[in-house]
Structures are given as structure tokens and as C-alpha cells.
């Protein structure tokens, strides 16, 4: 997308299990990595999960263009 500048990757964990979840902050809003959320929920097909979410609530991000937070660089 054309407004992918200034994206920051924040590594977090699911509070109940401690499983890692990647969060990309875009315009100060958190966008959760579908594969990570599916892993926490025990789902094996992230592609299926994106089909049941409203298109306005999904986004494809090139993770190579995302900056790490300063503590992870």
C-alpha cells in the first residue's frame, strides 16, 4: 500500500499463554499478524481466517519495509 511509511513492528505476547504475537503499528493503530493470532487460537490455516474478516479490516504488509522498535534493532 502507498501509506506504509513509518510502520513499526512491536513484538508482544498473548497474556494467557505467553505465545508471541507480532503487531505492526500503522498510523498509531495496531495491526496483528494473522498467522500469529491463528497460532494462539490453534488454527492452522491463516488464509482461511482472512476470508472471514471484512476486507476493510485486513491489510497485506511487506514485512521487509517494517522497522523494528529500538529495543529490537
PDB file of N, CA and C in Angstrom:
ATOM      1  N   UNK A   1       0.841  -1.187   0.000  1.00  0.00           N
ATOM      2  CA  UNK A   1       0.000   0.000   0.000  1.00  0.00           C
ATOM      3  C   UNK A   1       0.878   1.239   0.000  1.00  0.00           C
ATOM      4  N   UNK A   2       0.308   2.342  -0.412  1.00  0.00           N
ATOM      5  CA  UNK A   2       1.115   3.537  -0.560  1.00  0.00           C
ATOM      6  C   UNK A   2       1.368   4.278   0.739  1.00  0.00           C
ATOM      7  N   UNK A   3       0.671   3.936   1.833  1.00  0.00           N
ATOM      8  CA  UNK A   3       0.892   4.643   3.086  1.00  0.00           C
ATOM      9  C   UNK A   3       1.608   3.778   4.117  1.00  0.00           C
ATOM     10  N   UNK A   4       2.521   2.938   3.643  1.00  0.00           N
ATOM     11  CA  UNK A   4       3.221   2.023   4.534  1.00  0.00           C
ATOM     12  C   UNK A   4       4.477   2.629   5.143  1.00  0.00           C
ATOM     13  N   UNK A   5       4.687   3.893   4.998  1.00  0.00           N
ATOM     14  CA  UNK A   5       5.858   4.501   5.606  1.00  0.00           C
ATOM     15  C   UNK A   5       5.615   4.677   7.096  1.00  0.00           C
ATOM     16  N   UNK A   6       6.653   4.556   7.874  1.00  0.00           N
ATOM     17  CA  UNK A   6       6.531   4.753   9.300  1.00  0.00           C
ATOM     18  C   UNK A   6       5.936   3.589  10.060  1.00  0.00           C
ATOM     19  N   UNK A   7       5.920   2.417   9.460  1.00  0.00           N
ATOM     20  CA  UNK A   7       5.393   1.245  10.163  1.00  0.00           C
ATOM     21  C   UNK A   7       6.445   0.715  11.129  1.00  0.00           C
ATOM     22  N   UNK A   8       5.985   0.273  12.294  1.00  0.00           N
ATOM     23  CA  UNK A   8       6.895  -0.227  13.320  1.00  0.00           C
ATOM     24  C   UNK A   8       6.410  -1.592  13.791  1.00  0.00           C
ATOM     25  N   UNK A   9       7.323  -2.549  13.864  1.00  0.00           N
ATOM     26  CA  UNK A   9       7.000  -3.880  14.362  1.00  0.00           C
ATOM     27  C   UNK A   9       7.203  -3.904  15.869  1.00  0.00           C
ATOM     28  N   UNK A  10       6.172  -4.338  16.573  1.00  0.00           N
ATOM     29  CA  UNK A  10       6.231  -4.466  18.029  1.00  0.00           C
ATOM     30  C   UNK A  10       5.995  -5.934  18.356  1.00  0.00           C
ATOM     31  N   UNK A  11       6.926  -6.525  19.046  1.00  0.00           N
ATOM     32  CA  UNK A  11       6.740  -7.921  19.451  1.00  0.00           C
ATOM     33  C   UNK A  11       6.051  -7.930  20.802  1.00  0.00           C
ATOM     34  N   UNK A  12       5.011  -8.732  20.864  1.00  0.00           N
ATOM     35  CA  UNK A  12       4.226  -8.811  22.085  1.00  0.00           C
ATOM     36  C   UNK A  12       3.947 -10.275  22.370  1.00  0.00           C
ATOM     37  N   UNK A  13       3.193 -10.549  23.414  1.00  0.00           N
ATOM     38  CA  UNK A  13       2.818 -11.925  23.702  1.00  0.00           C
ATOM     39  C   UNK A  13       1.377 -11.958  24.182  1.00  0.00           C
ATOM     40  N   UNK A  14       0.722 -13.066  23.891  1.00  0.00           N
ATOM     41  CA  UNK A  14      -0.657 -13.255  24.315  1.00  0.00           C
ATOM     42  C   UNK A  14      -0.657 -13.414  25.830  1.00  0.00           C
ATOM     43  N   UNK A  15      -1.440 -12.629  26.546  1.00  0.00           N
ATOM     44  CA  UNK A  15      -1.358 -12.616  28.012  1.00  0.00           C
ATOM     45  C   UNK A  15      -1.598 -13.969  28.689  1.00  0.00           C
ATOM     46  N   UNK A  16      -2.499 -14.765  28.169  1.00  0.00           N
ATOM     47  CA  UNK A  16      -2.858 -16.012  28.846  1.00  0.00           C
ATOM     48  C   UNK A  16      -1.793 -17.089  28.680  1.00  0.00           C
ATOM     49  N   UNK A  17      -1.277 -17.228  27.439  1.00  0.00           N
ATOM     50  CA  UNK A  17      -0.342 -18.323  27.155  1.00  0.00           C
ATOM     51  C   UNK A  17       1.105 -17.891  27.012  1.00  0.00           C
ATOM     52  N   UNK A  18       1.328 -16.599  26.799  1.00  0.00           N
ATOM     53  CA  UNK A  18       2.685 -16.115  26.587  1.00  0.00           C
ATOM     54  C   UNK A  18       3.200 -16.337  25.175  1.00  0.00           C
ATOM     55  N   UNK A  19       2.347 -16.850  24.281  1.00  0.00           N
ATOM     56  CA  UNK A  19       2.771 -17.075  22.903  1.00  0.00           C
ATOM     57  C   UNK A  19       3.077 -15.745  22.224  1.00  0.00           C
ATOM     58  N   UNK A  20       4.119 -15.718  21.384  1.00  0.00           N
ATOM     59  CA  UNK A  20       4.493 -14.463  20.726  1.00  0.00           C
ATOM     60  C   UNK A  20       3.468 -14.042  19.675  1.00  0.00           C
ATOM     61  N   UNK A  21       3.239 -12.752  19.612  1.00  0.00           N
ATOM     62  CA  UNK A  21       2.368 -12.157  18.607  1.00  0.00           C
ATOM     63  C   UNK A  21       3.059 -10.915  18.070  1.00  0.00           C
ATOM     64  N   UNK A  22       3.193 -10.853  16.753  1.00  0.00           N
ATOM     65  CA  UNK A  22       3.751  -9.654  16.132  1.00  0.00           C
ATOM     66  C   UNK A  22       2.621  -8.668  15.866  1.00  0.00           C
ATOM     67  N   UNK A  23       2.903  -7.405  16.168  1.00  0.00           N
ATOM     68  CA  UNK A  23       1.955  -6.327  15.951  1.00  0.00           C
ATOM     69  C   UNK A  23       2.672  -5.258  15.129  1.00  0.00           C
ATOM     70  N   UNK A  24       2.055  -4.845  14.027  1.00  0.00           N
ATOM     71  CA  UNK A  24       2.619  -3.767  13.227  1.00  0.00           C
ATOM     72  C   UNK A  24       1.802  -2.521  13.530  1.00  0.00           C
ATOM     73  N   UNK A  25       2.476  -1.499  14.008  1.00  0.00           N
ATOM     74  CA  UNK A  25       1.814  -0.226  14.286  1.00  0.00           C
ATOM     75  C   UNK A  25       1.824   0.603  13.005  1.00  0.00           C
ATOM     76  N   UNK A  26       0.628   0.930  12.524  1.00  0.00           N
ATOM     77  CA  UNK A  26       0.473   1.749  11.321  1.00  0.00           C
ATOM     78  C   UNK A  26      -0.413   2.924  11.689  1.00  0.00           C
ATOM     79  N   UNK A  27       0.118   4.114  11.552  1.00  0.00           N
ATOM     80  CA  UNK A  27      -0.617   5.328  11.935  1.00  0.00           C
ATOM     81  C   UNK A  27      -1.142   5.224  13.365  1.00  0.00           C
ATOM     82  N   UNK A  28      -0.301   4.734  14.253  1.00  0.00           N
ATOM     83  CA  UNK A  28      -0.629   4.586  15.676  1.00  0.00           C
ATOM     84  C   UNK A  28      -1.764   3.608  15.957  1.00  0.00           C
ATOM     85  N   UNK A  29      -2.058   2.725  15.004  1.00  0.00           N
ATOM     86  CA  UNK A  29      -3.068   1.683  15.205  1.00  0.00           C
ATOM     87  C   UNK A  29      -2.397   0.326  15.129  1.00  0.00           C
ATOM     88  N   UNK A  30      -2.764  -0.603  16.017  1.00  0.00           N
ATOM     89  CA  UNK A  30      -2.165  -1.944  15.959  1.00  0.00           C
ATOM     90  C   UNK A  30      -2.828  -2.817  14.903  1.00  0.00           C
ATOM     91  N   UNK A  31      -2.004  -3.484  14.103  1.00  0.00           N
ATOM     92  CA  UNK A  31      -2.457  -4.476  13.128  1.00  0.00           C
ATOM     93  C   UNK A  31      -1.755  -5.777  13.492  1.00  0.00           C
ATOM     94  N   UNK A  32      -2.527  -6.800  13.807  1.00  0.00           N
ATOM     95  CA  UNK A  32      -1.986  -8.062  14.283  1.00  0.00           C
ATOM     96  C   UNK A  32      -1.682  -8.984  13.116  1.00  0.00           C
ATOM     97  N   UNK A  33      -0.571  -9.716  13.201  1.00  0.00           N
ATOM     98  CA  UNK A  33      -0.183 -10.671  12.157  1.00  0.00           C
ATOM     99  C   UNK A  33      -1.109 -11.882  12.251  1.00  0.00           C
ATOM    100  N   UNK A  34      -1.827 -12.145  11.164  1.00  0.00           N
ATOM    101  CA  UNK A  34      -2.842 -13.199  11.142  1.00  0.00           C
ATOM    102  C   UNK A  34      -2.278 -14.554  11.531  1.00  0.00           C
ATOM    103  N   UNK A  35      -1.111 -14.892  11.038  1.00  0.00           N
ATOM    104  CA  UNK A  35      -0.520 -16.203  11.346  1.00  0.00           C
ATOM    105  C   UNK A  35      -0.282 -16.361  12.847  1.00  0.00           C
ATOM    106  N   UNK A  36       0.121 -15.294  13.511  1.00  0.00           N
ATOM    107  CA  UNK A  36       0.371 -15.349  14.958  1.00  0.00           C
ATOM    108  C   UNK A  36      -0.929 -15.512  15.741  1.00  0.00           C
ATOM    109  N   UNK A  37      -1.962 -14.772  15.344  1.00  0.00           N
ATOM    110  CA  UNK A  37      -3.256 -14.881  16.019  1.00  0.00           C
ATOM    111  C   UNK A  37      -3.829 -16.286  15.820  1.00  0.00           C
ATOM    112  N   UNK A  38      -3.708 -16.825  14.605  1.00  0.00           N
ATOM    113  CA  UNK A  38      -4.204 -18.174  14.345  1.00  0.00           C
ATOM    114  C   UNK A  38      -3.452 -19.211  15.183  1.00  0.00           C
ATOM    115  N   UNK A  39      -2.167 -19.024  15.364  1.00  0.00           N
ATOM    116  CA  UNK A  39      -1.390 -19.961  16.180  1.00  0.00           C
ATOM    117  C   UNK A  39      -1.882 -19.949  17.627  1.00  0.00           C
ATOM    118  N   UNK A  40      -2.174 -18.770  18.153  1.00  0.00           N
ATOM    119  CA  UNK A  40      -2.687 -18.667  19.520  1.00  0.00           C
ATOM    120  C   UNK A  40      -4.040 -19.356  19.641  1.00  0.00           C
ATOM    121  N   UNK A  41      -4.863 -19.235  18.600  1.00  0.00           N
ATOM    122  CA  UNK A  41      -6.199 -19.818  18.627  1.00  0.00           C
ATOM    123  C   UNK A  41      -6.218 -21.286  18.215  1.00  0.00           C
ATOM    124  N   UNK A  42      -5.050 -21.817  17.826  1.00  0.00           N
ATOM    125  CA  UNK A  42      -4.985 -23.210  17.423  1.00  0.00           C
ATOM    126  C   UNK A  42      -5.500 -23.479  16.019  1.00  0.00           C
ATOM    127  N   UNK A  43      -5.553 -22.460  15.203  1.00  0.00           N
ATOM    128  CA  UNK A  43      -5.995 -22.599  13.804  1.00  0.00           C
ATOM    129  C   UNK A  43      -4.776 -22.770  12.917  1.00  0.00           C
ATOM    130  N   UNK A  44      -4.888 -23.639  11.938  1.00  0.00           N
ATOM    131  CA  UNK A  44      -3.717 -23.959  11.121  1.00  0.00           C
ATOM    132  C   UNK A  44      -3.707 -23.290   9.753  1.00  0.00           C
ATOM    133  N   UNK A  45      -4.763 -22.579   9.380  1.00  0.00           N
ATOM    134  CA  UNK A  45      -4.826 -22.001   8.051  1.00  0.00           C
ATOM    135  C   UNK A  45      -5.126 -20.501   8.106  1.00  0.00           C
ATOM    136  N   UNK A  46      -4.088 -19.673   8.199  1.00  0.00           N
ATOM    137  CA  UNK A  46      -4.306 -18.224   8.252  1.00  0.00           C
ATOM    138  C   UNK A  46      -5.027 -17.681   7.020  1.00  0.00           C
ATOM    139  N   UNK A  47      -4.852 -18.314   5.857  1.00  0.00           N
ATOM    140  CA  UNK A  47      -5.535 -17.843   4.648  1.00  0.00           C
ATOM    141  C   UNK A  47      -7.044 -17.927   4.807  1.00  0.00           C
ATOM    142  N   UNK A  48      -7.512 -18.973   5.463  1.00  0.00           N
ATOM    143  CA  UNK A  48      -8.947 -19.117   5.692  1.00  0.00           C
ATOM    144  C   UNK A  48      -9.432 -18.004   6.621  1.00  0.00           C
ATOM    145  N   UNK A  49      -8.651 -17.686   7.611  1.00  0.00           N
ATOM    146  CA  UNK A  49      -9.054 -16.661   8.574  1.00  0.00           C
ATOM    147  C   UNK A  49      -9.245 -15.311   7.892  1.00  0.00           C
ATOM    148  N   UNK A  50      -8.417 -14.977   6.950  1.00  0.00           N
ATOM    149  CA  UNK A  50      -8.546 -13.675   6.286  1.00  0.00           C
ATOM    150  C   UNK A  50      -9.788 -13.614   5.408  1.00  0.00           C
ATOM    151  N   UNK A  51     -10.313 -14.755   5.006  1.00  0.00           N
ATOM    152  CA  UNK A  51     -11.527 -14.751   4.187  1.00  0.00           C
ATOM    153  C   UNK A  51     -12.778 -14.468   5.004  1.00  0.00           C
ATOM    154  N   UNK A  52     -12.747 -14.685   6.320  1.00  0.00           N
ATOM    155  CA  UNK A  52     -13.944 -14.443   7.120  1.00  0.00           C
ATOM    156  C   UNK A  52     -13.928 -13.067   7.784  1.00  0.00           C
ATOM    157  N   UNK A  53     -12.866 -12.314   7.554  1.00  0.00           N
ATOM    158  CA  UNK A  53     -12.743 -10.956   8.106  1.00  0.00           C
ATOM    159  C   UNK A  53     -13.141  -9.967   7.015  1.00  0.00           C
ATOM    160  N   UNK A  54     -13.805  -8.912   7.404  1.00  0.00           N
ATOM    161  CA  UNK A  54     -14.191  -7.870   6.449  1.00  0.00           C
ATOM    162  C   UNK A  54     -12.954  -7.345   5.718  1.00  0.00           C
ATOM    163  N   UNK A  55     -13.032  -7.170   4.404  1.00  0.00           N
ATOM    164  CA  UNK A  55     -11.868  -6.663   3.652  1.00  0.00           C
ATOM    165  C   UNK A  55     -11.293  -5.365   4.202  1.00  0.00           C
ATOM    166  N   UNK A  56     -12.128  -4.493   4.748  1.00  0.00           N
ATOM    167  CA  UNK A  56     -11.625  -3.220   5.296  1.00  0.00           C
ATOM    168  C   UNK A  56     -10.787  -3.432   6.551  1.00  0.00           C
ATOM    169  N   UNK A  57     -10.902  -4.614   7.152  1.00  0.00           N
ATOM    170  CA  UNK A  57     -10.171  -4.915   8.376  1.00  0.00           C
ATOM    171  C   UNK A  57      -8.927  -5.766   8.138  1.00  0.00           C
ATOM    172  N   UNK A  58      -8.564  -5.951   6.885  1.00  0.00           N
ATOM    173  CA  UNK A  58      -7.361  -6.711   6.563  1.00  0.00           C
ATOM    174  C   UNK A  58      -6.405  -5.834   5.769  1.00  0.00           C
ATOM    175  N   UNK A  59      -5.162  -6.251   5.797  1.00  0.00           N
ATOM    176  CA  UNK A  59      -4.135  -5.497   5.088  1.00  0.00           C
ATOM    177  C   UNK A  59      -2.951  -6.416   4.838  1.00  0.00           C
ATOM    178  N   UNK A  60      -2.359  -6.319   3.668  1.00  0.00           N
ATOM    179  CA  UNK A  60      -1.159  -7.070   3.364  1.00  0.00           C
ATOM    180  C   UNK A  60       0.028  -6.112   3.479  1.00  0.00           C
ATOM    181  N   UNK A  61       0.998  -6.506   4.298  1.00  0.00           N
ATOM    182  CA  UNK A  61       2.151  -5.644   4.548  1.00  0.00           C
ATOM    183  C   UNK A  61       3.422  -6.402   4.186  1.00  0.00           C
ATOM    184  N   UNK A  62       4.310  -5.750   3.469  1.00  0.00           N
ATOM    185  CA  UNK A  62       5.628  -6.311   3.174  1.00  0.00           C
ATOM    186  C   UNK A  62       6.476  -6.112   4.433  1.00  0.00           C
ATOM    187  N   UNK A  63       6.702  -7.198   5.165  1.00  0.00           N
ATOM    188  CA  UNK A  63       7.413  -7.096   6.443  1.00  0.00           C
ATOM    189  C   UNK A  63       8.844  -6.599   6.275  1.00  0.00           C
ATOM    190  N   UNK A  64       9.387  -6.639   5.062  1.00  0.00           N
ATOM    191  CA  UNK A  64      10.730  -6.111   4.845  1.00  0.00           C
ATOM    192  C   UNK A  64      10.773  -4.597   4.958  1.00  0.00           C
ATOM    193  N   UNK A  65       9.588  -3.961   4.851  1.00  0.00           N
ATOM    194  CA  UNK A  65       9.549  -2.498   4.923  1.00  0.00           C
ATOM    195  C   UNK A  65       9.192  -1.992   6.313  1.00  0.00           C
ATOM    196  N   UNK A  66       9.046  -2.887   7.266  1.00  0.00           N
ATOM    197  CA  UNK A  66       8.659  -2.511   8.626  1.00  0.00           C
ATOM    198  C   UNK A  66       9.906  -2.339   9.484  1.00  0.00           C
ATOM    199  N   UNK A  67       9.942  -1.274  10.265  1.00  0.00           N
ATOM    200  CA  UNK A  67      11.071  -1.021  11.170  1.00  0.00           C
ATOM    201  C   UNK A  67      10.853  -1.747  12.487  1.00  0.00           C
ATOM    202  N   UNK A  68      11.929  -2.246  13.066  1.00  0.00           N
ATOM    203  CA  UNK A  68      11.855  -2.828  14.406  1.00  0.00           C
ATOM    204  C   UNK A  68      11.842  -1.703  15.426  1.00  0.00           C
ATOM    205  N   UNK A  69      11.236  -1.962  16.567  1.00  0.00           N
ATOM    206  CA  UNK A  69      11.322  -0.973  17.642  1.00  0.00           C
ATOM    207  C   UNK A  69      12.776  -0.860  18.072  1.00  0.00           C
ATOM    208  N   UNK A  70      13.148   0.230  18.687  1.00  0.00           N
ATOM    209  CA  UNK A  70      14.553   0.481  19.007  1.00  0.00           C
ATOM    210  C   UNK A  70      15.152  -0.590  19.923  1.00  0.00           C
ATOM    211  N   UNK A  71      14.370  -1.228  20.764  1.00  0.00           N
ATOM    212  CA  UNK A  71      14.909  -2.240  21.657  1.00  0.00           C
ATOM    213  C   UNK A  71      15.205  -3.558  20.950  1.00  0.00           C
ATOM    214  N   UNK A  72      14.731  -3.689  19.695  1.00  0.00           N
ATOM    215  CA  UNK A  72      14.926  -4.939  18.963  1.00  0.00           C
ATOM    216  C   UNK A  72      15.888  -4.805  17.800  1.00  0.00           C
ATOM    217  N   UNK A  73      16.331  -3.622  17.506  1.00  0.00           N
ATOM    218  CA  UNK A  73      17.192  -3.395  16.346  1.00  0.00           C
ATOM    219  C   UNK A  73      18.574  -3.962  16.561  1.00  0.00           C
TER     220      UNK A  73
END
